[in-house]
Amino acid sequence: MEHLGEKFVRDEIEIIPAKIEHIEIYQETVICRHCNGENDESSVIVSAKVPENLIKGSPATPSIVAFITYMKYINAVPLYRQEKSFLQEGVKIPRATMSN
């Protein structure tokens, strides 16, 4: 069989629901007991760099802040409705936290 050609049939639009993920960040710490000699009691301890968070002390990521801002100011969805929407997805984000 030889390829003869192809014909466009149609365009389709599909909805892919939003996904909320809980991301845990760990910091690895390593020790080198051989860096100062084997008989020396002091060892070198090094910790990996941790990515800075967007707002100090907050679990908010740039994507969630952008989404809340977009929903509030572009789509005019009040914070109490966003709070209910997040609860339906199993995530508790109080509207006071969103407004801060």
Protein backbone atom coordinates (compact mmCIF):
# COMPACT_ATOMS: atom_id res chain seq x y z
CA MET A 1 0.00 0.00 0.00
CA GLU A 2 1.20 3.49 -0.85
CA HIS A 3 0.33 6.69 0.96
CA LEU A 4 -2.16 8.59 -1.20
CA GLY A 5 -2.78 11.62 1.02
CA GLU A 6 -4.86 12.77 3.94
CA LYS A 7 -8.08 14.72 4.35
CA PHE A 8 -8.95 17.14 7.19
CA VAL A 9 -12.01 15.82 9.03
CA ARG A 10 -12.71 18.22 11.94
CA ASP A 11 -11.41 20.26 14.91
CA GLU A 12 -12.31 19.16 18.42
CA ILE A 13 -12.25 21.07 21.68
CA GLU A 14 -11.54 19.16 24.87
CA ILE A 15 -11.65 20.35 28.48
CA ILE A 16 -8.82 19.21 30.72
CA PRO A 17 -9.69 20.03 34.35
CA ALA A 18 -7.22 21.94 36.51
CA LYS A 19 -4.98 19.90 38.75
CA ILE A 20 -3.85 20.98 42.20
CA GLU A 21 -0.69 19.33 43.50
CA HIS A 22 0.84 19.36 46.98
CA ILE A 23 4.60 19.63 46.53
CA GLU A 24 6.93 18.75 49.40
CA ILE A 25 10.41 20.24 49.27
CA TYR A 26 13.24 18.55 51.15
CA GLN A 27 16.74 19.85 51.77
CA GLU A 28 19.51 17.28 51.52
CA THR A 29 22.40 17.49 54.00
CA VAL A 30 25.63 15.58 53.47
CA ILE A 31 28.70 15.04 55.65
CA CYS A 32 32.31 14.44 54.64
CA ARG A 33 34.22 12.75 57.44
CA HIS A 34 37.40 12.61 55.33
CA CYS A 35 37.66 16.34 54.51
CA ASN A 36 39.57 17.25 57.73
CA GLY A 37 41.41 13.98 58.21
CA GLU A 38 40.33 10.70 59.74
CA ASN A 39 41.60 11.40 63.27
CA ASP A 40 40.00 14.84 63.50
CA GLU A 41 36.59 14.90 65.20
CA SER A 42 35.33 17.83 63.12
CA SER A 43 33.64 16.97 59.84
CA VAL A 44 32.36 19.12 57.01
CA ILE A 45 28.55 19.34 56.75
CA VAL A 46 26.99 20.84 53.63
CA SER A 47 23.30 21.47 52.90
CA ALA A 48 21.82 21.90 49.44
CA LYS A 49 20.33 25.24 48.44
CA VAL A 50 16.56 25.46 48.80
CA PRO A 51 14.54 27.39 46.21
CA GLU A 52 13.18 30.67 47.58
CA ASN A 53 9.43 30.81 48.09
CA LEU A 54 7.38 33.62 46.59
CA ILE A 55 6.09 34.97 49.90
CA LYS A 56 8.21 34.30 52.98
CA GLY A 57 6.49 31.86 55.34
CA SER A 58 3.76 31.06 52.82
CA PRO A 59 3.19 27.84 50.87
CA ALA A 60 1.97 29.93 47.90
CA THR A 61 3.62 29.35 44.55
CA PRO A 62 3.62 31.82 41.65
CA SER A 63 1.03 29.70 39.84
CA ILE A 64 -1.53 29.77 42.68
CA VAL A 65 -1.07 33.52 43.25
CA ALA A 66 -1.49 34.15 39.52
CA PHE A 67 -4.59 31.93 39.40
CA ILE A 68 -6.27 33.65 42.39
CA THR A 69 -5.45 37.09 40.95
CA TYR A 70 -6.73 36.10 37.52
CA MET A 71 -9.97 34.69 38.91
CA LYS A 72 -10.58 37.75 41.10
CA TYR A 73 -9.67 40.60 38.79
CA ILE A 74 -10.18 39.21 35.27
CA ASN A 75 -13.12 36.83 35.84
CA ALA A 76 -14.62 38.80 38.77
CA VAL A 77 -14.94 35.71 40.99
CA PRO A 78 -15.18 36.80 44.65
CA LEU A 79 -12.80 35.24 47.16
CA TYR A 80 -15.58 33.43 49.02
CA ARG A 81 -16.48 31.60 45.80
CA GLN A 82 -12.84 30.78 45.12
CA GLU A 83 -12.58 29.46 48.69
CA LYS A 84 -15.54 27.12 48.05
CA SER A 85 -14.05 26.03 44.73
CA PHE A 86 -10.73 25.14 46.37
CA LEU A 87 -12.58 23.22 49.12
CA GLN A 88 -14.33 21.15 46.43
CA GLU A 89 -10.85 20.22 45.17
CA GLY A 90 -9.80 19.24 48.71
CA VAL A 91 -7.59 22.28 49.39
CA LYS A 92 -8.33 24.65 52.27
CA ILE A 93 -7.28 28.21 51.44
CA PRO A 94 -9.25 30.70 53.57
CA ARG A 95 -10.33 33.89 51.82
CA ALA A 96 -8.41 35.93 54.44
CA THR A 97 -5.24 34.19 53.29
CA MET A 98 -6.07 34.87 49.65
CA SER A 99 -6.74 38.54 50.34
CA ASN A 100 -3.43 38.92 52.19
